[in-house]
Amino acid sequence: VRNGTSHKFYINGVEDGSATYTASNLTRDVFVLGAVYTNGTETFDG
């Protein structure tokens, strides 16, 4: 979750890992599950 400058992970509903920094301008317009690029690589196993 990004909430303003707050960036947090929740694992099984419990906060685990956070950082505060100025929100980056995230401009990409595609979404990928299981790989780092739209042509694969660094792929997930599970």
All heavy atoms as atom14 arrays in JSON, in Angstrom:
{
  "sequence": "VRNGTSHKFYINGVEDGSATYTASNLTRDVFVLGAVYTNGTETFDG",
  "atom14_mask": [
    [1, 1, 1, 1, 1, 1, 1, 0, 0, 0, 0, 0, 0, 0],
    [1, 1, 1, 1, 1, 1, 1, 1, 1, 1, 1, 0, 0, 0],
    [1, 1, 1, 1, 1, 1, 1, 1, 0, 0, 0, 0, 0, 0],
    [1, 1, 1, 1, 0, 0, 0, 0, 0, 0, 0, 0, 0, 0],
    [1, 1, 1, 1, 1, 1, 1, 0, 0, 0, 0, 0, 0, 0],
    [1, 1, 1, 1, 1, 1, 0, 0, 0, 0, 0, 0, 0, 0],
    [1, 1, 1, 1, 1, 1, 1, 1, 1, 1, 0, 0, 0, 0],
    [1, 1, 1, 1, 1, 1, 1, 1, 1, 0, 0, 0, 0, 0],
    [1, 1, 1, 1, 1, 1, 1, 1, 1, 1, 1, 0, 0, 0],
    [1, 1, 1, 1, 1, 1, 1, 1, 1, 1, 1, 1, 0, 0],
    [1, 1, 1, 1, 1, 1, 1, 1, 0, 0, 0, 0, 0, 0],
    [1, 1, 1, 1, 1, 1, 1, 1, 0, 0, 0, 0, 0, 0],
    [1, 1, 1, 1, 0, 0, 0, 0, 0, 0, 0, 0, 0, 0],
    [1, 1, 1, 1, 1, 1, 1, 0, 0, 0, 0, 0, 0, 0],
    [1, 1, 1, 1, 1, 1, 1, 1, 1, 0, 0, 0, 0, 0],
    [1, 1, 1, 1, 1, 1, 1, 1, 0, 0, 0, 0, 0, 0],
    [1, 1, 1, 1, 0, 0, 0, 0, 0, 0, 0, 0, 0, 0],
    [1, 1, 1, 1, 1, 1, 0, 0, 0, 0, 0, 0, 0, 0],
    [1, 1, 1, 1, 1, 0, 0, 0, 0, 0, 0, 0, 0, 0],
    [1, 1, 1, 1, 1, 1, 1, 0, 0, 0, 0, 0, 0, 0],
    [1, 1, 1, 1, 1, 1, 1, 1, 1, 1, 1, 1, 0, 0],
    [1, 1, 1, 1, 1, 1, 1, 0, 0, 0, 0, 0, 0, 0],
    [1, 1, 1, 1, 1, 0, 0, 0, 0, 0, 0, 0, 0, 0],
    [1, 1, 1, 1, 1, 1, 0, 0, 0, 0, 0, 0, 0, 0],
    [1, 1, 1, 1, 1, 1, 1, 1, 0, 0, 0, 0, 0, 0],
    [1, 1, 1, 1, 1, 1, 1, 1, 0, 0, 0, 0, 0, 0],
    [1, 1, 1, 1, 1, 1, 1, 0, 0, 0, 0, 0, 0, 0],
    [1, 1, 1, 1, 1, 1, 1, 1, 1, 1, 1, 0, 0, 0],
    [1, 1, 1, 1, 1, 1, 1, 1, 0, 0, 0, 0, 0, 0],
    [1, 1, 1, 1, 1, 1, 1, 0, 0, 0, 0, 0, 0, 0],
    [1, 1, 1, 1, 1, 1, 1, 1, 1, 1, 1, 0, 0, 0],
    [1, 1, 1, 1, 1, 1, 1, 0, 0, 0, 0, 0, 0, 0],
    [1, 1, 1, 1, 1, 1, 1, 1, 0, 0, 0, 0, 0, 0],
    [1, 1, 1, 1, 0, 0, 0, 0, 0, 0, 0, 0, 0, 0],
    [1, 1, 1, 1, 1, 0, 0, 0, 0, 0, 0, 0, 0, 0],
    [1, 1, 1, 1, 1, 1, 1, 0, 0, 0, 0, 0, 0, 0],
    [1, 1, 1, 1, 1, 1, 1, 1, 1, 1, 1, 1, 0, 0],
    [1, 1, 1, 1, 1, 1, 1, 0, 0, 0, 0, 0, 0, 0],
    [1, 1, 1, 1, 1, 1, 1, 1, 0, 0, 0, 0, 0, 0],
    [1, 1, 1, 1, 0, 0, 0, 0, 0, 0, 0, 0, 0, 0],
    [1, 1, 1, 1, 1, 1, 1, 0, 0, 0, 0, 0, 0, 0],
    [1, 1, 1, 1, 1, 1, 1, 1, 1, 0, 0, 0, 0, 0],
    [1, 1, 1, 1, 1, 1, 1, 0, 0, 0, 0, 0, 0, 0],
    [1, 1, 1, 1, 1, 1, 1, 1, 1, 1, 1, 0, 0, 0],
    [1, 1, 1, 1, 1, 1, 1, 1, 0, 0, 0, 0, 0, 0],
    [1, 1, 1, 1, 0, 0, 0, 0, 0, 0, 0, 0, 0, 0]
  ],
  "atom14_positions": [
    [[0.84, -1.2, 0.0], [0.0, 0.0, 0.0], [0.88, 1.25, 0.0], [1.79, 1.38, 0.84], [-0.92, 0.03, 1.25], [-1.8, 1.28, 1.22], [-1.77, -1.23, 1.32], [0.0, 0.0, 0.0], [0.0, 0.0, 0.0], [0.0, 0.0, 0.0], [0.0, 0.0, 0.0], [0.0, 0.0, 0.0], [0.0, 0.0, 0.0], [0.0, 0.0, 0.0]],
    [[0.59, 2.16, -0.93], [1.17, 3.5, -0.86], [0.08, 4.47, -0.42], [-0.99, 4.54, -1.03], [1.73, 3.94, -2.21], [2.36, 5.34, -2.14], [3.19, 5.67, -3.36], [2.39, 6.04, -4.51], [2.91, 6.33, -5.71], [4.23, 6.25, -5.89], [2.14, 6.67, -6.72], [0.0, 0.0, 0.0], [0.0, 0.0, 0.0], [0.0, 0.0, 0.0]],
    [[0.36, 5.2, 0.64], [-0.58, 6.17, 1.21], [0.19, 7.47, 1.42], [0.84, 7.66, 2.45], [-1.15, 5.63, 2.52], [-2.18, 6.55, 3.14], [-2.69, 7.45, 2.48], [-2.48, 6.34, 4.41], [0.0, 0.0, 0.0], [0.0, 0.0, 0.0], [0.0, 0.0, 0.0], [0.0, 0.0, 0.0], [0.0, 0.0, 0.0], [0.0, 0.0, 0.0]],
    [[0.15, 8.35, 0.42], [0.96, 9.56, 0.48], [2.43, 9.2, 0.39], [2.88, 8.6, -0.58], [0.0, 0.0, 0.0], [0.0, 0.0, 0.0], [0.0, 0.0, 0.0], [0.0, 0.0, 0.0], [0.0, 0.0, 0.0], [0.0, 0.0, 0.0], [0.0, 0.0, 0.0], [0.0, 0.0, 0.0], [0.0, 0.0, 0.0], [0.0, 0.0, 0.0]],
    [[3.19, 9.55, 1.41], [4.62, 9.22, 1.45], [4.87, 7.91, 2.2], [6.02, 7.47, 2.31], [5.43, 10.34, 2.11], [4.96, 10.55, 3.45], [5.3, 11.63, 1.31], [0.0, 0.0, 0.0], [0.0, 0.0, 0.0], [0.0, 0.0, 0.0], [0.0, 0.0, 0.0], [0.0, 0.0, 0.0], [0.0, 0.0, 0.0], [0.0, 0.0, 0.0]],
    [[3.82, 7.3, 2.71], [3.94, 6.04, 3.46], [3.83, 4.85, 2.5], [2.92, 4.8, 1.67], [2.83, 5.95, 4.51], [2.8, 4.67, 5.11], [0.0, 0.0, 0.0], [0.0, 0.0, 0.0], [0.0, 0.0, 0.0], [0.0, 0.0, 0.0], [0.0, 0.0, 0.0], [0.0, 0.0, 0.0], [0.0, 0.0, 0.0], [0.0, 0.0, 0.0]],
    [[4.76, 3.91, 2.62], [4.8, 2.71, 1.77], [4.92, 1.5, 2.69], [5.9, 1.41, 3.44], [5.99, 2.77, 0.82], [5.97, 3.96, -0.09], [6.26, 5.25, 0.35], [5.7, 4.07, -1.43], [6.18, 6.08, -0.66], [5.84, 5.4, -1.75], [0.0, 0.0, 0.0], [0.0, 0.0, 0.0], [0.0, 0.0, 0.0], [0.0, 0.0, 0.0]],
    [[3.95, 0.58, 2.63], [3.92, -0.52, 3.6], [3.54, -1.84, 2.96], [2.71, -1.89, 2.05], [2.91, -0.22, 4.72], [3.27, 0.96, 5.6], [2.26, 1.14, 6.72], [2.65, 2.3, 7.63], [1.7, 2.46, 8.75], [0.0, 0.0, 0.0], [0.0, 0.0, 0.0], [0.0, 0.0, 0.0], [0.0, 0.0, 0.0], [0.0, 0.0, 0.0]],
    [[4.17, -2.91, 3.48], [3.71, -4.27, 3.22], [2.82, -4.73, 4.37], [3.08, -4.44, 5.55], [4.89, -5.25, 3.14], [5.49, -5.41, 1.77], [6.73, -4.88, 1.48], [4.81, -6.09, 0.78], [7.29, -5.04, 0.23], [5.35, -6.26, -0.49], [6.6, -5.72, -0.76], [0.0, 0.0, 0.0], [0.0, 0.0, 0.0], [0.0, 0.0, 0.0]],
    [[1.78, -5.47, 4.01], [0.98, -6.22, 4.97], [0.99, -7.67, 4.52], [0.59, -7.97, 3.39], [-0.45, -5.71, 5.03], [-0.6, -4.3, 5.55], [-0.58, -3.21, 4.69], [-0.77, -4.06, 6.92], [-0.71, -1.92, 5.15], [-0.91, -2.77, 7.4], [-0.88, -1.7, 6.51], [-1.02, -0.42, 6.98], [0.0, 0.0, 0.0], [0.0, 0.0, 0.0]],
    [[1.47, -8.56, 5.38], [1.48, -9.98, 5.07], [0.5, -10.67, 6.01], [0.62, -10.56, 7.24], [2.89, -10.59, 5.22], [3.92, -9.78, 4.44], [2.87, -12.05, 4.75], [3.7, -9.71, 2.94], [0.0, 0.0, 0.0], [0.0, 0.0, 0.0], [0.0, 0.0, 0.0], [0.0, 0.0, 0.0], [0.0, 0.0, 0.0], [0.0, 0.0, 0.0]],
    [[-0.48, -11.34, 5.43], [-1.55, -11.95, 6.21], [-2.21, -10.94, 7.14], [-2.58, -11.26, 8.28], [-1.03, -13.16, 7.0], [-0.58, -14.29, 6.09], [-0.99, -14.36, 4.93], [0.28, -15.16, 6.6], [0.0, 0.0, 0.0], [0.0, 0.0, 0.0], [0.0, 0.0, 0.0], [0.0, 0.0, 0.0], [0.0, 0.0, 0.0], [0.0, 0.0, 0.0]],
    [[-2.32, -9.71, 6.66], [-3.04, -8.68, 7.4], [-2.22, -7.94, 8.43], [-2.74, -7.04, 9.09], [0.0, 0.0, 0.0], [0.0, 0.0, 0.0], [0.0, 0.0, 0.0], [0.0, 0.0, 0.0], [0.0, 0.0, 0.0], [0.0, 0.0, 0.0], [0.0, 0.0, 0.0], [0.0, 0.0, 0.0], [0.0, 0.0, 0.0], [0.0, 0.0, 0.0]],
    [[-0.94, -8.27, 8.57], [-0.1, -7.66, 9.6], [1.0, -6.85, 8.92], [1.7, -7.36, 8.03], [0.52, -8.72, 10.51], [1.46, -8.1, 11.54], [-0.57, -9.53, 11.21], [0.0, 0.0, 0.0], [0.0, 0.0, 0.0], [0.0, 0.0, 0.0], [0.0, 0.0, 0.0], [0.0, 0.0, 0.0], [0.0, 0.0, 0.0], [0.0, 0.0, 0.0]],
    [[1.17, -5.59, 9.34], [2.22, -4.75, 8.76], [3.58, -5.4, 8.98], [3.93, -5.79, 10.09], [2.21, -3.36, 9.39], [3.25, -2.44, 8.8], [3.32, -1.09, 9.49], [2.25, -0.61, 9.97], [4.42, -0.52, 9.57], [0.0, 0.0, 0.0], [0.0, 0.0, 0.0], [0.0, 0.0, 0.0], [0.0, 0.0, 0.0], [0.0, 0.0, 0.0]],
    [[4.35, -5.5, 7.9], [5.7, -6.08, 7.99], [6.56, -5.4, 6.93], [6.66, -5.87, 5.8], [5.66, -7.59, 7.77], [7.03, -8.23, 7.96], [7.96, -7.52, 8.4], [7.17, -9.44, 7.67], [0.0, 0.0, 0.0], [0.0, 0.0, 0.0], [0.0, 0.0, 0.0], [0.0, 0.0, 0.0], [0.0, 0.0, 0.0], [0.0, 0.0, 0.0]],
    [[7.17, -4.3, 7.3], [8.03, -3.56, 6.39], [7.39, -2.26, 5.96], [6.27, -2.26, 5.44], [0.0, 0.0, 0.0], [0.0, 0.0, 0.0], [0.0, 0.0, 0.0], [0.0, 0.0, 0.0], [0.0, 0.0, 0.0], [0.0, 0.0, 0.0], [0.0, 0.0, 0.0], [0.0, 0.0, 0.0], [0.0, 0.0, 0.0], [0.0, 0.0, 0.0]],
    [[8.1, -1.14, 6.18], [7.56, 0.15, 5.77], [8.71, 1.12, 5.52], [9.83, 0.93, 5.99], [6.63, 0.72, 6.84], [7.34, 1.02, 8.03], [0.0, 0.0, 0.0], [0.0, 0.0, 0.0], [0.0, 0.0, 0.0], [0.0, 0.0, 0.0], [0.0, 0.0, 0.0], [0.0, 0.0, 0.0], [0.0, 0.0, 0.0], [0.0, 0.0, 0.0]],
    [[8.41, 2.16, 4.76], [9.36, 3.23, 4.5], [8.58, 4.48, 4.14], [7.46, 4.41, 3.64], [10.33, 2.86, 3.38], [0.0, 0.0, 0.0], [0.0, 0.0, 0.0], [0.0, 0.0, 0.0], [0.0, 0.0, 0.0], [0.0, 0.0, 0.0], [0.0, 0.0, 0.0], [0.0, 0.0, 0.0], [0.0, 0.0, 0.0], [0.0, 0.0, 0.0]],
    [[9.19, 5.62, 4.43], [8.58, 6.9, 4.1], [9.48, 7.63, 3.11], [10.66, 7.85, 3.39], [8.39, 7.75, 5.37], [7.54, 7.05, 6.29], [7.76, 9.09, 5.02], [0.0, 0.0, 0.0], [0.0, 0.0, 0.0], [0.0, 0.0, 0.0], [0.0, 0.0, 0.0], [0.0, 0.0, 0.0], [0.0, 0.0, 0.0], [0.0, 0.0, 0.0]],
    [[8.93, 7.96, 1.96], [9.67, 8.72, 0.96], [8.68, 9.35, -0.01], [7.51, 8.94, -0.09], [10.69, 7.85, 0.21], [10.14, 6.6, -0.45], [9.67, 6.62, -1.76], [10.13, 5.38, 0.24], [9.18, 5.47, -2.37], [9.65, 4.22, -0.37], [9.18, 4.28, -1.66], [8.7, 3.13, -2.26], [0.0, 0.0, 0.0], [0.0, 0.0, 0.0]],
    [[9.12, 10.36, -0.72], [8.27, 11.05, -1.68], [7.78, 10.09, -2.76], [8.56, 9.32, -3.32], [9.02, 12.21, -2.34], [9.44, 13.12, -1.32], [8.14, 12.95, -3.34], [0.0, 0.0, 0.0], [0.0, 0.0, 0.0], [0.0, 0.0, 0.0], [0.0, 0.0, 0.0], [0.0, 0.0, 0.0], [0.0, 0.0, 0.0], [0.0, 0.0, 0.0]],
    [[6.5, 10.11, -3.03], [5.91, 9.17, -3.98], [6.5, 9.35, -5.37], [6.55, 10.46, -5.91], [4.4, 9.36, -4.04], [0.0, 0.0, 0.0], [0.0, 0.0, 0.0], [0.0, 0.0, 0.0], [0.0, 0.0, 0.0], [0.0, 0.0, 0.0], [0.0, 0.0, 0.0], [0.0, 0.0, 0.0], [0.0, 0.0, 0.0], [0.0, 0.0, 0.0]],
    [[6.99, 8.26, -5.94], [7.49, 8.28, -7.32], [6.33, 8.41, -8.3], [5.21, 7.98, -8.02], [8.25, 6.98, -7.63], [9.36, 6.84, -6.79], [0.0, 0.0, 0.0], [0.0, 0.0, 0.0], [0.0, 0.0, 0.0], [0.0, 0.0, 0.0], [0.0, 0.0, 0.0], [0.0, 0.0, 0.0], [0.0, 0.0, 0.0], [0.0, 0.0, 0.0]],
    [[6.62, 8.98, -9.45], [5.64, 9.06, -10.52], [5.68, 7.76, -11.32], [6.57, 7.54, -12.15], [5.94, 10.25, -11.42], [4.88, 10.45, -12.5], [3.77, 9.92, -12.39], [5.22, 11.2, -13.53], [0.0, 0.0, 0.0], [0.0, 0.0, 0.0], [0.0, 0.0, 0.0], [0.0, 0.0, 0.0], [0.0, 0.0, 0.0], [0.0, 0.0, 0.0]],
    [[4.74, 6.87, -11.05], [4.71, 5.54, -11.67], [3.9, 5.61, -12.96], [2.69, 5.78, -12.94], [4.12, 4.53, -10.7], [4.92, 4.38, -9.39], [4.2, 3.47, -8.4], [6.32, 3.86, -9.66], [0.0, 0.0, 0.0], [0.0, 0.0, 0.0], [0.0, 0.0, 0.0], [0.0, 0.0, 0.0], [0.0, 0.0, 0.0], [0.0, 0.0, 0.0]],
    [[4.59, 5.48, -14.08], [4.01, 5.8, -15.39], [3.73, 4.59, -16.28], [3.16, 4.74, -17.35], [4.95, 6.74, -16.15], [6.25, 6.13, -16.27], [5.1, 8.07, -15.42], [0.0, 0.0, 0.0], [0.0, 0.0, 0.0], [0.0, 0.0, 0.0], [0.0, 0.0, 0.0], [0.0, 0.0, 0.0], [0.0, 0.0, 0.0], [0.0, 0.0, 0.0]],
    [[4.14, 3.4, -15.88], [3.94, 2.23, -16.75], [2.46, 1.88, -16.83], [1.7, 2.08, -15.87], [4.73, 1.04, -16.21], [6.21, 1.33, -16.04], [6.9, 1.54, -17.36], [7.83, 0.46, -17.64], [8.72, 0.46, -18.62], [8.78, 1.49, -19.45], [9.51, -0.55, -18.82], [0.0, 0.0, 0.0], [0.0, 0.0, 0.0], [0.0, 0.0, 0.0]],
    [[2.05, 1.31, -17.96], [0.62, 1.07, -18.19], [0.3, -0.39, -18.5], [-0.72, -0.69, -19.1], [0.1, 1.98, -19.3], [0.81, 1.79, -20.63], [1.7, 0.9, -20.71], [0.49, 2.52, -21.58], [0.0, 0.0, 0.0], [0.0, 0.0, 0.0], [0.0, 0.0, 0.0], [0.0, 0.0, 0.0], [0.0, 0.0, 0.0], [0.0, 0.0, 0.0]],
    [[1.19, -1.29, -18.08], [0.91, -2.73, -18.19], [1.18, -3.37, -16.84], [1.87, -2.81, -15.99], [1.77, -3.42, -19.28], [1.44, -2.87, -20.65], [3.25, -3.28, -18.96], [0.0, 0.0, 0.0], [0.0, 0.0, 0.0], [0.0, 0.0, 0.0], [0.0, 0.0, 0.0], [0.0, 0.0, 0.0], [0.0, 0.0, 0.0], [0.0, 0.0, 0.0]],
    [[0.62, -4.56, -16.65], [0.8, -5.28, -15.39], [1.13, -6.73, -15.69], [0.54, -7.33, -16.59], [-0.47, -5.2, -14.53], [-0.25, -5.57, -13.09], [0.35, -4.7, -12.21], [-0.66, -6.82, -12.63], [0.56, -5.04, -10.88], [-0.46, -7.17, -11.3], [0.14, -6.28, -10.43], [0.0, 0.0, 0.0], [0.0, 0.0, 0.0], [0.0, 0.0, 0.0]],
    [[2.1, -7.27, -14.94], [2.6, -8.63, -15.18], [2.54, -9.42, -13.88], [2.94, -8.92, -12.82], [4.05, -8.6, -15.71], [4.5, -10.01, -16.09], [4.19, -7.65, -16.89], [0.0, 0.0, 0.0], [0.0, 0.0, 0.0], [0.0, 0.0, 0.0], [0.0, 0.0, 0.0], [0.0, 0.0, 0.0], [0.0, 0.0, 0.0], [0.0, 0.0, 0.0]],
    [[2.08, -10.65, -13.96], [2.14, -11.59, -12.84], [3.22, -12.62, -13.13], [3.24, -13.22, -14.2], [0.81, -12.33, -12.66], [-0.46, -11.52, -12.51], [-1.64, -12.46, -12.33], [-0.36, -10.57, -11.34], [0.0, 0.0, 0.0], [0.0, 0.0, 0.0], [0.0, 0.0, 0.0], [0.0, 0.0, 0.0], [0.0, 0.0, 0.0], [0.0, 0.0, 0.0]],
    [[4.13, -12.8, -12.19], [5.07, -13.92, -12.27], [6.34, -13.69, -13.04], [7.13, -14.62, -13.21], [0.0, 0.0, 0.0], [0.0, 0.0, 0.0], [0.0, 0.0, 0.0], [0.0, 0.0, 0.0], [0.0, 0.0, 0.0], [0.0, 0.0, 0.0], [0.0, 0.0, 0.0], [0.0, 0.0, 0.0], [0.0, 0.0, 0.0], [0.0, 0.0, 0.0]],
    [[6.6, -12.45, -13.52], [7.83, -12.18, -14.27], [8.16, -10.71, -14.19], [7.27, -9.86, -13.99], [7.72, -12.62, -15.73], [0.0, 0.0, 0.0], [0.0, 0.0, 0.0], [0.0, 0.0, 0.0], [0.0, 0.0, 0.0], [0.0, 0.0, 0.0], [0.0, 0.0, 0.0], [0.0, 0.0, 0.0], [0.0, 0.0, 0.0], [0.0, 0.0, 0.0]],
    [[9.44, -10.39, -14.38], [9.87, -9.01, -14.24], [9.54, -8.17, -15.46], [9.28, -6.98, -15.35], [11.38, -8.96, -13.91], [12.22, -9.4, -15.08], [11.8, -7.58, -13.43], [0.0, 0.0, 0.0], [0.0, 0.0, 0.0], [0.0, 0.0, 0.0], [0.0, 0.0, 0.0], [0.0, 0.0, 0.0], [0.0, 0.0, 0.0], [0.0, 0.0, 0.0]],
    [[9.53, -8.79, -16.65], [9.26, -8.08, -17.89], [8.08, -8.73, -18.62], [7.69, -9.87, -18.33], [10.46, -8.1, -18.84], [11.72, -7.5, -18.29], [12.86, -8.29, -18.1], [11.8, -6.15, -17.98], [14.03, -7.74, -17.61], [12.97, -5.6, -17.48], [14.08, -6.39, -17.3], [15.23, -5.86, -16.8], [0.0, 0.0, 0.0], [0.0, 0.0, 0.0]],
    [[7.58, -8.02, -19.65], [6.53, -8.62, -20.47], [7.07, -9.68, -21.41], [6.31, -10.32, -22.13], [5.8, -7.54, -21.3], [6.77, -6.8, -22.05], [5.03, -6.59, -20.41], [0.0, 0.0, 0.0], [0.0, 0.0, 0.0], [0.0, 0.0, 0.0], [0.0, 0.0, 0.0], [0.0, 0.0, 0.0], [0.0, 0.0, 0.0], [0.0, 0.0, 0.0]],
    [[8.38, -9.9, -21.41], [8.93, -11.01, -22.2], [9.49, -12.1, -21.28], [10.31, -12.92, -21.68], [10.02, -10.52, -23.16], [11.21, -9.9, -22.44], [11.16, -9.7, -21.24], [12.26, -9.59, -23.18], [0.0, 0.0, 0.0], [0.0, 0.0, 0.0], [0.0, 0.0, 0.0], [0.0, 0.0, 0.0], [0.0, 0.0, 0.0], [0.0, 0.0, 0.0]],
    [[9.05, -12.1, -20.03], [9.49, -13.12, -19.08], [10.74, -12.71, -18.32], [11.04, -11.55, -18.17], [0.0, 0.0, 0.0], [0.0, 0.0, 0.0], [0.0, 0.0, 0.0], [0.0, 0.0, 0.0], [0.0, 0.0, 0.0], [0.0, 0.0, 0.0], [0.0, 0.0, 0.0], [0.0, 0.0, 0.0], [0.0, 0.0, 0.0], [0.0, 0.0, 0.0]],
    [[11.49, -13.71, -17.82], [12.7, -13.63, -17.0], [12.38, -13.32, -15.53], [11.38, -12.68, -15.22], [13.78, -12.64, -17.52], [13.32, -11.31, -17.33], [14.1, -12.89, -18.97], [0.0, 0.0, 0.0], [0.0, 0.0, 0.0], [0.0, 0.0, 0.0], [0.0, 0.0, 0.0], [0.0, 0.0, 0.0], [0.0, 0.0, 0.0], [0.0, 0.0, 0.0]],
    [[13.28, -13.78, -14.68], [13.13, -13.67, -13.22], [11.73, -14.12, -12.8], [11.01, -13.43, -12.08], [13.43, -12.25, -12.75], [14.87, -11.84, -13.05], [15.28, -10.5, -12.45], [14.59, -10.03, -11.53], [16.29, -9.94, -12.9], [0.0, 0.0, 0.0], [0.0, 0.0, 0.0], [0.0, 0.0, 0.0], [0.0, 0.0, 0.0], [0.0, 0.0, 0.0]],
    [[11.38, -15.32, -13.23], [10.01, -15.79, -13.1], [9.75, -16.48, -11.76], [10.63, -17.05, -11.15], [9.67, -16.76, -14.25], [10.71, -17.72, -14.39], [9.52, -16.01, -15.56], [0.0, 0.0, 0.0], [0.0, 0.0, 0.0], [0.0, 0.0, 0.0], [0.0, 0.0, 0.0], [0.0, 0.0, 0.0], [0.0, 0.0, 0.0], [0.0, 0.0, 0.0]],
    [[8.5, -16.4, -11.36], [8.03, -16.93, -10.09], [7.76, -18.43, -10.22], [7.33, -18.91, -11.27], [6.75, -16.21, -9.69], [6.16, -16.65, -8.38], [6.75, -16.27, -7.18], [5.02, -17.42, -8.35], [6.21, -16.67, -5.97], [4.46, -17.82, -7.15], [5.05, -17.45, -5.95], [0.0, 0.0, 0.0], [0.0, 0.0, 0.0], [0.0, 0.0, 0.0]],
    [[8.01, -19.17, -9.14], [7.72, -20.61, -9.09], [6.75, -20.85, -7.95], [7.11, -20.73, -6.77], [9.02, -21.39, -8.86], [8.81, -22.89, -8.93], [7.69, -23.33, -9.26], [9.78, -23.63, -8.64], [0.0, 0.0, 0.0], [0.0, 0.0, 0.0], [0.0, 0.0, 0.0], [0.0, 0.0, 0.0], [0.0, 0.0, 0.0], [0.0, 0.0, 0.0]],
    [[5.5, -21.16, -8.3], [4.48, -21.39, -7.28], [3.11, -21.05, -7.84], [2.86, -21.2, -9.04], [0.0, 0.0, 0.0], [0.0, 0.0, 0.0], [0.0, 0.0, 0.0], [0.0, 0.0, 0.0], [0.0, 0.0, 0.0], [0.0, 0.0, 0.0], [0.0, 0.0, 0.0], [0.0, 0.0, 0.0], [0.0, 0.0, 0.0], [0.0, 0.0, 0.0]]
  ]
}
